[in-house]
Amino acid sequence: MTSQCNRILRNYRNVAPTKFHSFNQKVKTALAEKMRFPDSIWSADATLLPSYLSASDKHDALYHESMLGSRLVIAERALLQAQLVVYLDEIAALLEMAAVRTPDILVASGFDVVKERRGR
């Protein structure tokens, strides 16, 4: 029986803006803590985390501004959400690779983790 607990559930791809915003804020807060994640994780692409964090901050501002109903801001928020999904996919792949050695890293990341299935 193989363990499936080293996989991230990518359920953030097609969710409503409100759910995406709360999920993204949870992941951003978790990834911003430097003590949880060694720098070796980000060595493959050193610009990934800073780019994600700045895009996430911009998305947070646009999300709150879009509550006023401006169609231009809502369209910009949707484009930024699509860009954040790309960043989240890249981060998820890096974290899954790092989880081979330290499986606890996925729990600390803020992502939803695939639950282990028990066989008969």
PDB file of N, CA and C in Angstrom:
ATOM      1  N   MET A   1       0.852  -1.184   0.000  1.00  0.00           N
ATOM      2  CA  MET A   1       0.000   0.000   0.000  1.00  0.00           C
ATOM      3  C   MET A   1       0.891   1.238   0.000  1.00  0.00           C
ATOM      4  N   THR A   2       0.644   2.134  -0.898  1.00  0.00           N
ATOM      5  CA  THR A   2       1.428   3.355  -0.968  1.00  0.00           C
ATOM      6  C   THR A   2       0.697   4.481  -0.264  1.00  0.00           C
ATOM      7  N   SER A   3       1.481   5.351   0.304  1.00  0.00           N
ATOM      8  CA  SER A   3       0.907   6.487   1.028  1.00  0.00           C
ATOM      9  C   SER A   3       0.684   7.643   0.063  1.00  0.00           C
ATOM     10  N   GLN A   4      -0.466   8.274   0.143  1.00  0.00           N
ATOM     11  CA  GLN A   4      -0.789   9.395  -0.722  1.00  0.00           C
ATOM     12  C   GLN A   4      -0.784  10.712   0.037  1.00  0.00           C
ATOM     13  N   CYS A   5      -0.191  10.737   1.203  1.00  0.00           N
ATOM     14  CA  CYS A   5      -0.272  11.939   2.020  1.00  0.00           C
ATOM     15  C   CYS A   5       0.730  13.010   1.588  1.00  0.00           C
ATOM     16  N   ASN A   6       1.567  12.732   0.578  1.00  0.00           N
ATOM     17  CA  ASN A   6       2.528  13.722   0.124  1.00  0.00           C
ATOM     18  C   ASN A   6       2.038  14.454  -1.113  1.00  0.00           C
ATOM     19  N   ARG A   7       0.741  14.662  -1.202  1.00  0.00           N
ATOM     20  CA  ARG A   7       0.174  15.370  -2.334  1.00  0.00           C
ATOM     21  C   ARG A   7      -0.702  16.514  -1.857  1.00  0.00           C
ATOM     22  N   ILE A   8      -0.663  17.592  -2.607  1.00  0.00           N
ATOM     23  CA  ILE A   8      -1.486  18.763  -2.305  1.00  0.00           C
ATOM     24  C   ILE A   8      -2.739  18.707  -3.158  1.00  0.00           C
ATOM     25  N   LEU A   9      -3.860  18.931  -2.533  1.00  0.00           N
ATOM     26  CA  LEU A   9      -5.133  18.975  -3.229  1.00  0.00           C
ATOM     27  C   LEU A   9      -5.257  20.328  -3.921  1.00  0.00           C
ATOM     28  N   ARG A  10      -5.379  20.313  -5.220  1.00  0.00           N
ATOM     29  CA  ARG A  10      -5.432  21.569  -5.974  1.00  0.00           C
ATOM     30  C   ARG A  10      -6.880  21.993  -6.216  1.00  0.00           C
ATOM     31  N   ASN A  11      -7.572  22.214  -5.130  1.00  0.00           N
ATOM     32  CA  ASN A  11      -8.982  22.600  -5.196  1.00  0.00           C
ATOM     33  C   ASN A  11      -9.166  24.111  -5.294  1.00  0.00           C
ATOM     34  N   TYR A  12      -8.111  24.852  -5.423  1.00  0.00           N
ATOM     35  CA  TYR A  12      -8.173  26.310  -5.484  1.00  0.00           C
ATOM     36  C   TYR A  12      -8.321  26.816  -6.907  1.00  0.00           C
ATOM     37  N   ARG A  13      -8.265  25.943  -7.885  1.00  0.00           N
ATOM     38  CA  ARG A  13      -8.255  26.374  -9.281  1.00  0.00           C
ATOM     39  C   ARG A  13      -9.581  26.961  -9.740  1.00  0.00           C
ATOM     40  N   ASN A  14     -10.679  26.367  -9.341  1.00  0.00           N
ATOM     41  CA  ASN A  14     -11.989  26.810  -9.823  1.00  0.00           C
ATOM     42  C   ASN A  14     -12.927  27.095  -8.660  1.00  0.00           C
ATOM     43  N   VAL A  15     -12.563  28.050  -7.840  1.00  0.00           N
ATOM     44  CA  VAL A  15     -13.431  28.421  -6.725  1.00  0.00           C
ATOM     45  C   VAL A  15     -13.861  29.875  -6.879  1.00  0.00           C
ATOM     46  N   ALA A  16     -14.882  30.229  -6.145  1.00  0.00           N
ATOM     47  CA  ALA A  16     -15.397  31.600  -6.179  1.00  0.00           C
ATOM     48  C   ALA A  16     -14.354  32.559  -5.600  1.00  0.00           C
ATOM     49  N   PRO A  17     -14.421  33.823  -5.986  1.00  0.00           N
ATOM     50  CA  PRO A  17     -13.431  34.796  -5.518  1.00  0.00           C
ATOM     51  C   PRO A  17     -13.319  34.895  -3.995  1.00  0.00           C
ATOM     52  N   THR A  18     -14.416  34.792  -3.275  1.00  0.00           N
ATOM     53  CA  THR A  18     -14.347  34.910  -1.820  1.00  0.00           C
ATOM     54  C   THR A  18     -13.602  33.733  -1.211  1.00  0.00           C
ATOM     55  N   LYS A  19     -13.901  32.525  -1.662  1.00  0.00           N
ATOM     56  CA  LYS A  19     -13.195  31.345  -1.155  1.00  0.00           C
ATOM     57  C   LYS A  19     -11.731  31.376  -1.564  1.00  0.00           C
ATOM     58  N   PHE A  20     -11.460  31.814  -2.785  1.00  0.00           N
ATOM     59  CA  PHE A  20     -10.081  31.892  -3.234  1.00  0.00           C
ATOM     60  C   PHE A  20      -9.301  32.895  -2.397  1.00  0.00           C
ATOM     61  N   HIS A  21      -9.908  34.019  -2.107  1.00  0.00           N
ATOM     62  CA  HIS A  21      -9.234  35.041  -1.315  1.00  0.00           C
ATOM     63  C   HIS A  21      -8.871  34.513   0.066  1.00  0.00           C
ATOM     64  N   SER A  22      -9.802  33.849   0.733  1.00  0.00           N
ATOM     65  CA  SER A  22      -9.499  33.343   2.079  1.00  0.00           C
ATOM     66  C   SER A  22      -8.448  32.232   2.013  1.00  0.00           C
ATOM     67  N   PHE A  23      -8.522  31.356   1.013  1.00  0.00           N
ATOM     68  CA  PHE A  23      -7.514  30.315   0.855  1.00  0.00           C
ATOM     69  C   PHE A  23      -6.149  30.924   0.584  1.00  0.00           C
ATOM     70  N   ASN A  24      -6.101  31.888  -0.316  1.00  0.00           N
ATOM     71  CA  ASN A  24      -4.835  32.527  -0.677  1.00  0.00           C
ATOM     72  C   ASN A  24      -4.214  33.246   0.517  1.00  0.00           C
ATOM     73  N   GLN A  25      -5.026  33.888   1.323  1.00  0.00           N
ATOM     74  CA  GLN A  25      -4.495  34.569   2.501  1.00  0.00           C
ATOM     75  C   GLN A  25      -3.918  33.567   3.501  1.00  0.00           C
ATOM     76  N   LYS A  26      -4.563  32.409   3.623  1.00  0.00           N
ATOM     77  CA  LYS A  26      -4.068  31.363   4.527  1.00  0.00           C
ATOM     78  C   LYS A  26      -2.705  30.854   4.056  1.00  0.00           C
ATOM     79  N   VAL A  27      -2.573  30.590   2.753  1.00  0.00           N
ATOM     80  CA  VAL A  27      -1.314  30.100   2.204  1.00  0.00           C
ATOM     81  C   VAL A  27      -0.243  31.181   2.286  1.00  0.00           C
ATOM     82  N   LYS A  28      -0.605  32.416   1.965  1.00  0.00           N
ATOM     83  CA  LYS A  28       0.366  33.512   2.006  1.00  0.00           C
ATOM     84  C   LYS A  28       0.925  33.695   3.407  1.00  0.00           C
ATOM     85  N   THR A  29       0.062  33.641   4.406  1.00  0.00           N
ATOM     86  CA  THR A  29       0.506  33.794   5.790  1.00  0.00           C
ATOM     87  C   THR A  29       1.448  32.659   6.184  1.00  0.00           C
ATOM     88  N   ALA A  30       1.117  31.451   5.771  1.00  0.00           N
ATOM     89  CA  ALA A  30       1.958  30.301   6.107  1.00  0.00           C
ATOM     90  C   ALA A  30       3.313  30.377   5.410  1.00  0.00           C
ATOM     91  N   LEU A  31       3.324  30.742   4.130  1.00  0.00           N
ATOM     92  CA  LEU A  31       4.577  30.782   3.380  1.00  0.00           C
ATOM     93  C   LEU A  31       5.452  31.967   3.761  1.00  0.00           C
ATOM     94  N   ALA A  32       4.867  33.005   4.300  1.00  0.00           N
ATOM     95  CA  ALA A  32       5.635  34.193   4.669  1.00  0.00           C
ATOM     96  C   ALA A  32       6.506  33.949   5.893  1.00  0.00           C
ATOM     97  N   GLU A  33       6.197  32.934   6.684  1.00  0.00           N
ATOM     98  CA  GLU A  33       7.012  32.621   7.855  1.00  0.00           C
ATOM     99  C   GLU A  33       8.274  31.897   7.404  1.00  0.00           C
ATOM    100  N   LYS A  34       9.390  32.577   7.503  1.00  0.00           N
ATOM    101  CA  LYS A  34      10.666  32.049   7.006  1.00  0.00           C
ATOM    102  C   LYS A  34      11.181  30.866   7.825  1.00  0.00           C
ATOM    103  N   MET A  35      10.770  30.757   9.069  1.00  0.00           N
ATOM    104  CA  MET A  35      11.285  29.700   9.935  1.00  0.00           C
ATOM    105  C   MET A  35      10.739  28.317   9.546  1.00  0.00           C
ATOM    106  N   ARG A  36       9.581  28.254   8.942  1.00  0.00           N
ATOM    107  CA  ARG A  36       8.964  26.969   8.598  1.00  0.00           C
ATOM    108  C   ARG A  36       9.568  26.328   7.363  1.00  0.00           C
ATOM    109  N   PHE A  37      10.034  27.133   6.422  1.00  0.00           N
ATOM    110  CA  PHE A  37      10.471  26.627   5.137  1.00  0.00           C
ATOM    111  C   PHE A  37      11.926  27.016   4.889  1.00  0.00           C
ATOM    112  N   PRO A  38      12.786  26.028   4.694  1.00  0.00           N
ATOM    113  CA  PRO A  38      14.198  26.352   4.429  1.00  0.00           C
ATOM    114  C   PRO A  38      14.361  27.032   3.073  1.00  0.00           C
ATOM    115  N   ASP A  39      15.419  27.786   2.940  1.00  0.00           N
ATOM    116  CA  ASP A  39      15.683  28.494   1.683  1.00  0.00           C
ATOM    117  C   ASP A  39      15.976  27.542   0.530  1.00  0.00           C
ATOM    118  N   SER A  40      16.370  26.309   0.849  1.00  0.00           N
ATOM    119  CA  SER A  40      16.683  25.350  -0.209  1.00  0.00           C
ATOM    120  C   SER A  40      15.455  25.004  -1.053  1.00  0.00           C
ATOM    121  N   ILE A  41      14.268  25.146  -0.497  1.00  0.00           N
ATOM    122  CA  ILE A  41      13.043  24.883  -1.266  1.00  0.00           C
ATOM    123  C   ILE A  41      12.915  25.873  -2.410  1.00  0.00           C
ATOM    124  N   TRP A  42      13.252  27.109  -2.150  1.00  0.00           N
ATOM    125  CA  TRP A  42      13.049  28.171  -3.134  1.00  0.00           C
ATOM    126  C   TRP A  42      14.267  28.363  -4.035  1.00  0.00           C
ATOM    127  N   SER A  43      15.316  27.551  -3.883  1.00  0.00           N
ATOM    128  CA  SER A  43      16.524  27.737  -4.689  1.00  0.00           C
ATOM    129  C   SER A  43      16.308  27.416  -6.163  1.00  0.00           C
ATOM    130  N   ALA A  44      15.319  26.572  -6.482  1.00  0.00           N
ATOM    131  CA  ALA A  44      15.038  26.257  -7.885  1.00  0.00           C
ATOM    132  C   ALA A  44      14.572  27.500  -8.641  1.00  0.00           C
ATOM    133  N   ASP A  45      13.780  28.330  -7.990  1.00  0.00           N
ATOM    134  CA  ASP A  45      13.305  29.575  -8.588  1.00  0.00           C
ATOM    135  C   ASP A  45      13.255  30.619  -7.481  1.00  0.00           C
ATOM    136  N   ALA A  46      14.318  31.380  -7.360  1.00  0.00           N
ATOM    137  CA  ALA A  46      14.456  32.326  -6.252  1.00  0.00           C
ATOM    138  C   ALA A  46      13.442  33.468  -6.314  1.00  0.00           C
ATOM    139  N   THR A  47      12.864  33.724  -7.482  1.00  0.00           N
ATOM    140  CA  THR A  47      11.924  34.831  -7.604  1.00  0.00           C
ATOM    141  C   THR A  47      10.473  34.398  -7.380  1.00  0.00           C
ATOM    142  N   LEU A  48      10.232  33.100  -7.248  1.00  0.00           N
ATOM    143  CA  LEU A  48       8.861  32.599  -7.142  1.00  0.00           C
ATOM    144  C   LEU A  48       8.153  33.105  -5.895  1.00  0.00           C
ATOM    145  N   LEU A  49       8.749  32.927  -4.741  1.00  0.00           N
ATOM    146  CA  LEU A  49       8.089  33.346  -3.499  1.00  0.00           C
ATOM    147  C   LEU A  49       7.883  34.853  -3.425  1.00  0.00           C
ATOM    148  N   PRO A  50       8.904  35.685  -3.698  1.00  0.00           N
ATOM    149  CA  PRO A  50       8.645  37.132  -3.673  1.00  0.00           C
ATOM    150  C   PRO A  50       7.587  37.575  -4.684  1.00  0.00           C
ATOM    151  N   SER A  51       7.587  36.961  -5.863  1.00  0.00           N
ATOM    152  CA  SER A  51       6.579  37.312  -6.874  1.00  0.00           C
ATOM    153  C   SER A  51       5.190  36.925  -6.395  1.00  0.00           C
ATOM    154  N   TYR A  52       5.086  35.750  -5.802  1.00  0.00           N
ATOM    155  CA  TYR A  52       3.794  35.294  -5.288  1.00  0.00           C
ATOM    156  C   TYR A  52       3.307  36.209  -4.167  1.00  0.00           C
ATOM    157  N   LEU A  53       4.192  36.548  -3.246  1.00  0.00           N
ATOM    158  CA  LEU A  53       3.779  37.384  -2.110  1.00  0.00           C
ATOM    159  C   LEU A  53       3.332  38.770  -2.567  1.00  0.00           C
ATOM    160  N   SER A  54       4.029  39.355  -3.542  1.00  0.00           N
ATOM    161  CA  SER A  54       3.617  40.687  -4.014  1.00  0.00           C
ATOM    162  C   SER A  54       2.303  40.602  -4.794  1.00  0.00           C
ATOM    163  N   ALA A  55       2.141  39.560  -5.611  1.00  0.00           N
ATOM    164  CA  ALA A  55       0.870  39.398  -6.330  1.00  0.00           C
ATOM    165  C   ALA A  55      -0.276  39.132  -5.365  1.00  0.00           C
ATOM    166  N   SER A  56       0.018  38.415  -4.303  1.00  0.00           N
ATOM    167  CA  SER A  56      -1.001  38.124  -3.305  1.00  0.00           C
ATOM    168  C   SER A  56      -1.431  39.388  -2.561  1.00  0.00           C
ATOM    169  N   ASP A  57      -0.467  40.232  -2.250  1.00  0.00           N
ATOM    170  CA  ASP A  57      -0.809  41.513  -1.606  1.00  0.00           C
ATOM    171  C   ASP A  57      -1.670  42.375  -2.529  1.00  0.00           C
ATOM    172  N   LYS A  58      -1.315  42.404  -3.807  1.00  0.00           N
ATOM    173  CA  LYS A  58      -2.094  43.184  -4.771  1.00  0.00           C
ATOM    174  C   LYS A  58      -3.502  42.598  -4.916  1.00  0.00           C
ATOM    175  N   HIS A  59      -3.602  41.268  -4.919  1.00  0.00           N
ATOM    176  CA  HIS A  59      -4.910  40.619  -5.015  1.00  0.00           C
ATOM    177  C   HIS A  59      -5.771  40.957  -3.805  1.00  0.00           C
ATOM    178  N   ASP A  60      -5.169  41.009  -2.632  1.00  0.00           N
ATOM    179  CA  ASP A  60      -5.909  41.352  -1.420  1.00  0.00           C
ATOM    180  C   ASP A  60      -6.504  42.754  -1.536  1.00  0.00           C
ATOM    181  N   ALA A  61      -5.702  43.690  -2.013  1.00  0.00           N
ATOM    182  CA  ALA A  61      -6.188  45.055  -2.178  1.00  0.00           C
ATOM    183  C   ALA A  61      -7.295  45.125  -3.234  1.00  0.00           C
ATOM    184  N   LEU A  62      -7.096  44.431  -4.354  1.00  0.00           N
ATOM    185  CA  LEU A  62      -8.110  44.429  -5.405  1.00  0.00           C
ATOM    186  C   LEU A  62      -9.389  43.733  -4.957  1.00  0.00           C
ATOM    187  N   TYR A  63      -9.253  42.690  -4.163  1.00  0.00           N
ATOM    188  CA  TYR A  63     -10.435  41.978  -3.679  1.00  0.00           C
ATOM    189  C   TYR A  63     -11.305  42.912  -2.845  1.00  0.00           C
ATOM    190  N   HIS A  64     -10.676  43.642  -1.939  1.00  0.00           N
ATOM    191  CA  HIS A  64     -11.452  44.546  -1.092  1.00  0.00           C
ATOM    192  C   HIS A  64     -12.008  45.722  -1.891  1.00  0.00           C
ATOM    193  N   GLU A  65     -11.261  46.191  -2.882  1.00  0.00           N
ATOM    194  CA  GLU A  65     -11.740  47.286  -3.724  1.00  0.00           C
ATOM    195  C   GLU A  65     -12.883  46.822  -4.628  1.00  0.00           C
ATOM    196  N   SER A  66     -12.848  45.553  -5.046  1.00  0.00           N
ATOM    197  CA  SER A  66     -13.889  45.040  -5.936  1.00  0.00           C
ATOM    198  C   SER A  66     -15.232  44.886  -5.231  1.00  0.00           C
ATOM    199  N   MET A  67     -15.243  44.934  -3.922  1.00  0.00           N
ATOM    200  CA  MET A  67     -16.497  44.852  -3.175  1.00  0.00           C
ATOM    201  C   MET A  67     -17.394  46.053  -3.459  1.00  0.00           C
ATOM    202  N   LEU A  68     -16.809  47.116  -3.984  1.00  0.00           N
ATOM    203  CA  LEU A  68     -17.589  48.300  -4.333  1.00  0.00           C
ATOM    204  C   LEU A  68     -18.328  48.115  -5.661  1.00  0.00           C
ATOM    205  N   GLY A  69     -17.965  47.078  -6.429  1.00  0.00           N
ATOM    206  CA  GLY A  69     -18.708  46.743  -7.634  1.00  0.00           C
ATOM    207  C   GLY A  69     -18.147  47.269  -8.937  1.00  0.00           C
ATOM    208  N   SER A  70     -16.961  47.825  -8.946  1.00  0.00           N
ATOM    209  CA  SER A  70     -16.380  48.332 -10.182  1.00  0.00           C
ATOM    210  C   SER A  70     -16.037  47.170 -11.112  1.00  0.00           C
ATOM    211  N   ARG A  71     -16.570  47.213 -12.323  1.00  0.00           N
ATOM    212  CA  ARG A  71     -16.341  46.118 -13.274  1.00  0.00           C
ATOM    213  C   ARG A  71     -14.876  46.026 -13.697  1.00  0.00           C
ATOM    214  N   LEU A  72     -14.196  47.150 -13.811  1.00  0.00           N
ATOM    215  CA  LEU A  72     -12.787  47.129 -14.181  1.00  0.00           C
ATOM    216  C   LEU A  72     -11.952  46.467 -13.100  1.00  0.00           C
ATOM    217  N   VAL A  73     -12.238  46.781 -11.856  1.00  0.00           N
ATOM    218  CA  VAL A  73     -11.496  46.186 -10.741  1.00  0.00           C
ATOM    219  C   VAL A  73     -11.796  44.698 -10.641  1.00  0.00           C
ATOM    220  N   ILE A  74     -13.035  44.319 -10.880  1.00  0.00           N
ATOM    221  CA  ILE A  74     -13.406  42.901 -10.835  1.00  0.00           C
ATOM    222  C   ILE A  74     -12.684  42.132 -11.936  1.00  0.00           C
ATOM    223  N   ALA A  75     -12.591  42.714 -13.122  1.00  0.00           N
ATOM    224  CA  ALA A  75     -11.876  42.067 -14.221  1.00  0.00           C
ATOM    225  C   ALA A  75     -10.387  41.948 -13.909  1.00  0.00           C
ATOM    226  N   GLU A  76      -9.817  42.994 -13.334  1.00  0.00           N
ATOM    227  CA  GLU A  76      -8.403  42.949 -12.953  1.00  0.00           C
ATOM    228  C   GLU A  76      -8.167  41.907 -11.868  1.00  0.00           C
ATOM    229  N   ARG A  77      -9.097  41.800 -10.922  1.00  0.00           N
ATOM    230  CA  ARG A  77      -8.989  40.794  -9.862  1.00  0.00           C
ATOM    231  C   ARG A  77      -9.034  39.388 -10.445  1.00  0.00           C
ATOM    232  N   ALA A  78      -9.897  39.168 -11.446  1.00  0.00           N
ATOM    233  CA  ALA A  78      -9.999  37.849 -12.083  1.00  0.00           C
ATOM    234  C   ALA A  78      -8.700  37.485 -12.799  1.00  0.00           C
ATOM    235  N   LEU A  79      -8.083  38.446 -13.472  1.00  0.00           N
ATOM    236  CA  LEU A  79      -6.803  38.189 -14.137  1.00  0.00           C
ATOM    237  C   LEU A  79      -5.711  37.872 -13.123  1.00  0.00           C
ATOM    238  N   LEU A  80      -5.699  38.609 -12.041  1.00  0.00           N
ATOM    239  CA  LEU A  80      -4.693  38.374 -11.005  1.00  0.00           C
ATOM    240  C   LEU A  80      -4.928  37.037 -10.307  1.00  0.00           C
ATOM    241  N   GLN A  81      -6.180  36.653 -10.151  1.00  0.00           N
ATOM    242  CA  GLN A  81      -6.488  35.356  -9.558  1.00  0.00           C
ATOM    243  C   GLN A  81      -5.946  34.234 -10.446  1.00  0.00           C
ATOM    244  N   ALA A  82      -6.077  34.381 -11.754  1.00  0.00           N
ATOM    245  CA  ALA A  82      -5.543  33.373 -12.674  1.00  0.00           C
ATOM    246  C   ALA A  82      -4.018  33.294 -12.567  1.00  0.00           C
ATOM    247  N   GLN A  83      -3.361  34.436 -12.417  1.00  0.00           N
ATOM    248  CA  GLN A  83      -1.908  34.449 -12.255  1.00  0.00           C
ATOM    249  C   GLN A  83      -1.506  33.795 -10.931  1.00  0.00           C
ATOM    250  N   LEU A  84      -2.276  34.046  -9.886  1.00  0.00           N
ATOM    251  CA  LEU A  84      -1.985  33.434  -8.590  1.00  0.00           C
ATOM    252  C   LEU A  84      -2.158  31.923  -8.631  1.00  0.00           C
ATOM    253  N   VAL A  85      -3.101  31.431  -9.416  1.00  0.00           N
ATOM    254  CA  VAL A  85      -3.270  29.988  -9.560  1.00  0.00           C
ATOM    255  C   VAL A  85      -2.012  29.371 -10.172  1.00  0.00           C
ATOM    256  N   VAL A  86      -1.412  30.043 -11.142  1.00  0.00           N
ATOM    257  CA  VAL A  86      -0.170  29.555 -11.748  1.00  0.00           C
ATOM    258  C   VAL A  86       0.936  29.519 -10.695  1.00  0.00           C
ATOM    259  N   TYR A  87       1.061  30.592  -9.911  1.00  0.00           N
ATOM    260  CA  TYR A  87       2.060  30.619  -8.841  1.00  0.00           C
ATOM    261  C   TYR A  87       1.804  29.508  -7.821  1.00  0.00           C
ATOM    262  N   LEU A  88       0.550  29.322  -7.447  1.00  0.00           N
ATOM    263  CA  LEU A  88       0.218  28.294  -6.459  1.00  0.00           C
ATOM    264  C   LEU A  88       0.531  26.900  -6.984  1.00  0.00           C
ATOM    265  N   ASP A  89       0.311  26.666  -8.277  1.00  0.00           N
ATOM    266  CA  ASP A  89       0.668  25.372  -8.863  1.00  0.00           C
ATOM    267  C   ASP A  89       2.175  25.127  -8.791  1.00  0.00           C
ATOM    268  N   GLU A  90       2.962  26.143  -9.092  1.00  0.00           N
ATOM    269  CA  GLU A  90       4.417  26.010  -9.020  1.00  0.00           C
ATOM    270  C   GLU A  90       4.870  25.780  -7.579  1.00  0.00           C
ATOM    271  N   ILE A  91       4.299  26.522  -6.648  1.00  0.00           N
ATOM    272  CA  ILE A  91       4.659  26.362  -5.239  1.00  0.00           C
ATOM    273  C   ILE A  91       4.261  24.985  -4.740  1.00  0.00           C
ATOM    274  N   ALA A  92       3.088  24.515  -5.144  1.00  0.00           N
ATOM    275  CA  ALA A  92       2.629  23.190  -4.730  1.00  0.00           C
ATOM    276  C   ALA A  92       3.578  22.106  -5.231  1.00  0.00           C
ATOM    277  N   ALA A  93       4.049  22.235  -6.457  1.00  0.00           N
ATOM    278  CA  ALA A  93       4.987  21.247  -6.999  1.00  0.00           C
ATOM    279  C   ALA A  93       6.296  21.247  -6.205  1.00  0.00           C
ATOM    280  N   LEU A  94       6.805  22.436  -5.884  1.00  0.00           N
ATOM    281  CA  LEU A  94       8.037  22.516  -5.094  1.00  0.00           C
ATOM    282  C   LEU A  94       7.850  21.924  -3.700  1.00  0.00           C
ATOM    283  N   LEU A  95       6.730  22.211  -3.085  1.00  0.00           N
ATOM    284  CA  LEU A  95       6.481  21.691  -1.746  1.00  0.00           C
ATOM    285  C   LEU A  95       6.292  20.177  -1.749  1.00  0.00           C
ATOM    286  N   GLU A  96       5.674  19.651  -2.793  1.00  0.00           N
ATOM    287  CA  GLU A  96       5.525  18.197  -2.887  1.00  0.00           C
ATOM    288  C   GLU A  96       6.877  17.510  -3.025  1.00  0.00           C
ATOM    289  N   MET A  97       7.787  18.135  -3.768  1.00  0.00           N
ATOM    290  CA  MET A  97       9.131  17.572  -3.875  1.00  0.00           C
ATOM    291  C   MET A  97       9.861  17.636  -2.534  1.00  0.00           C
ATOM    292  N   ALA A  98       9.701  18.729  -1.820  1.00  0.00           N
ATOM    293  CA  ALA A  98      10.352  18.870  -0.513  1.00  0.00           C
ATOM    294  C   ALA A  98       9.737  17.937   0.522  1.00  0.00           C
ATOM    295  N   ALA A  99       8.479  17.575   0.323  1.00  0.00           N
ATOM    296  CA  ALA A  99       7.788  16.723   1.283  1.00  0.00           C
ATOM    297  C   ALA A  99       8.274  15.283   1.237  1.00  0.00           C
ATOM    298  N   VAL A 100       9.030  14.934   0.224  1.00  0.00           N
ATOM    299  CA  VAL A 100       9.592  13.588   0.172  1.00  0.00           C
ATOM    300  C   VAL A 100      10.504  13.379   1.381  1.00  0.00           C
ATOM    301  N   ARG A 101      11.267  14.404   1.733  1.00  0.00           N
ATOM    302  CA  ARG A 101      12.168  14.309   2.885  1.00  0.00           C
ATOM    303  C   ARG A 101      11.510  14.739   4.186  1.00  0.00           C
ATOM    304  N   THR A 102      10.705  15.777   4.130  1.00  0.00           N
ATOM    305  CA  THR A 102      10.033  16.273   5.341  1.00  0.00           C
ATOM    306  C   THR A 102       8.544  16.403   5.065  1.00  0.00           C
ATOM    307  N   PRO A 103       7.769  15.345   5.337  1.00  0.00           N
ATOM    308  CA  PRO A 103       6.339  15.358   5.015  1.00  0.00           C
ATOM    309  C   PRO A 103       5.534  16.400   5.797  1.00  0.00           C
ATOM    310  N   ASP A 104       6.025  16.839   6.930  1.00  0.00           N
ATOM    311  CA  ASP A 104       5.289  17.817   7.730  1.00  0.00           C
ATOM    312  C   ASP A 104       5.214  19.187   7.075  1.00  0.00           C
ATOM    313  N   ILE A 105       6.015  19.393   6.060  1.00  0.00           N
ATOM    314  CA  ILE A 105       6.049  20.702   5.406  1.00  0.00           C
ATOM    315  C   ILE A 105       4.727  21.016   4.707  1.00  0.00           C
ATOM    316  N   LEU A 106       4.021  19.995   4.253  1.00  0.00           N
ATOM    317  CA  LEU A 106       2.749  20.226   3.569  1.00  0.00           C
ATOM    318  C   LEU A 106       1.672  20.710   4.534  1.00  0.00           C
ATOM    319  N   VAL A 107       1.685  20.186   5.728  1.00  0.00           N
ATOM    320  CA  VAL A 107       0.698  20.606   6.725  1.00  0.00           C
ATOM    321  C   VAL A 107       0.931  22.063   7.111  1.00  0.00           C
ATOM    322  N   ALA A 108       2.195  22.454   7.190  1.00  0.00           N
ATOM    323  CA  ALA A 108       2.533  23.824   7.582  1.00  0.00           C
ATOM    324  C   ALA A 108       2.329  24.834   6.462  1.00  0.00           C
ATOM    325  N   SER A 109       2.126  24.356   5.231  1.00  0.00           N
ATOM    326  CA  SER A 109       2.071  25.257   4.082  1.00  0.00           C
ATOM    327  C   SER A 109       0.755  25.999   3.928  1.00  0.00           C
ATOM    328  N   GLY A 110      -0.312  25.504   4.530  1.00  0.00           N
ATOM    329  CA  GLY A 110      -1.610  26.138   4.366  1.00  0.00           C
ATOM    330  C   GLY A 110      -2.433  25.527   3.250  1.00  0.00           C
ATOM    331  N   PHE A 111      -1.810  24.694   2.419  1.00  0.00           N
ATOM    332  CA  PHE A 111      -2.534  24.004   1.356  1.00  0.00           C
ATOM    333  C   PHE A 111      -3.358  22.877   1.965  1.00  0.00           C
ATOM    334  N   ASP A 112      -4.398  22.462   1.229  1.00  0.00           N
ATOM    335  CA  ASP A 112      -5.164  21.286   1.624  1.00  0.00           C
ATOM    336  C   ASP A 112      -4.410  20.062   1.125  1.00  0.00           C
ATOM    337  N   VAL A 113      -4.297  19.052   1.989  1.00  0.00           N
ATOM    338  CA  VAL A 113      -3.519  17.860   1.666  1.00  0.00           C
ATOM    339  C   VAL A 113      -4.475  16.709   1.380  1.00  0.00           C
ATOM    340  N   VAL A 114      -4.107  15.872   0.400  1.00  0.00           N
ATOM    341  CA  VAL A 114      -4.903  14.697   0.067  1.00  0.00           C
ATOM    342  C   VAL A 114      -4.857  13.739   1.251  1.00  0.00           C
ATOM    343  N   LYS A 115      -6.000  13.259   1.651  1.00  0.00           N
ATOM    344  CA  LYS A 115      -6.057  12.336   2.773  1.00  0.00           C
ATOM    345  C   LYS A 115      -5.641  10.935   2.317  1.00  0.00           C
ATOM    346  N   GLU A 116      -4.978  10.241   3.216  1.00  0.00           N
ATOM    347  CA  GLU A 116      -4.526   8.885   2.917  1.00  0.00           C
ATOM    348  C   GLU A 116      -5.734   7.952   2.879  1.00  0.00           C
ATOM    349  N   ARG A 117      -5.776   7.097   1.854  1.00  0.00           N
ATOM    350  CA  ARG A 117      -6.856   6.139   1.726  1.00  0.00           C
ATOM    351  C   ARG A 117      -6.391   4.780   2.244  1.00  0.00           C
ATOM    352  N   ARG A 118      -7.254   4.143   2.928  1.00  0.00           N
ATOM    353  CA  ARG A 118      -6.934   2.822   3.467  1.00  0.00           C
ATOM    354  C   ARG A 118      -7.471   1.757   2.524  1.00  0.00           C
ATOM    355  N   GLY A 119      -6.648   0.776   2.236  1.00  0.00           N
ATOM    356  CA  GLY A 119      -7.078  -0.336   1.391  1.00  0.00           C
ATOM    357  C   GLY A 119      -7.674  -1.437   2.224  1.00  0.00           C
ATOM    358  N   ARG A 120      -8.253  -2.395   1.547  1.00  0.00           N
ATOM    359  CA  ARG A 120      -8.845  -3.522   2.268  1.00  0.00           C
ATOM    360  C   ARG A 120      -7.786  -4.490   2.720  1.00  0.00           C
TER     361      ARG A 120
END
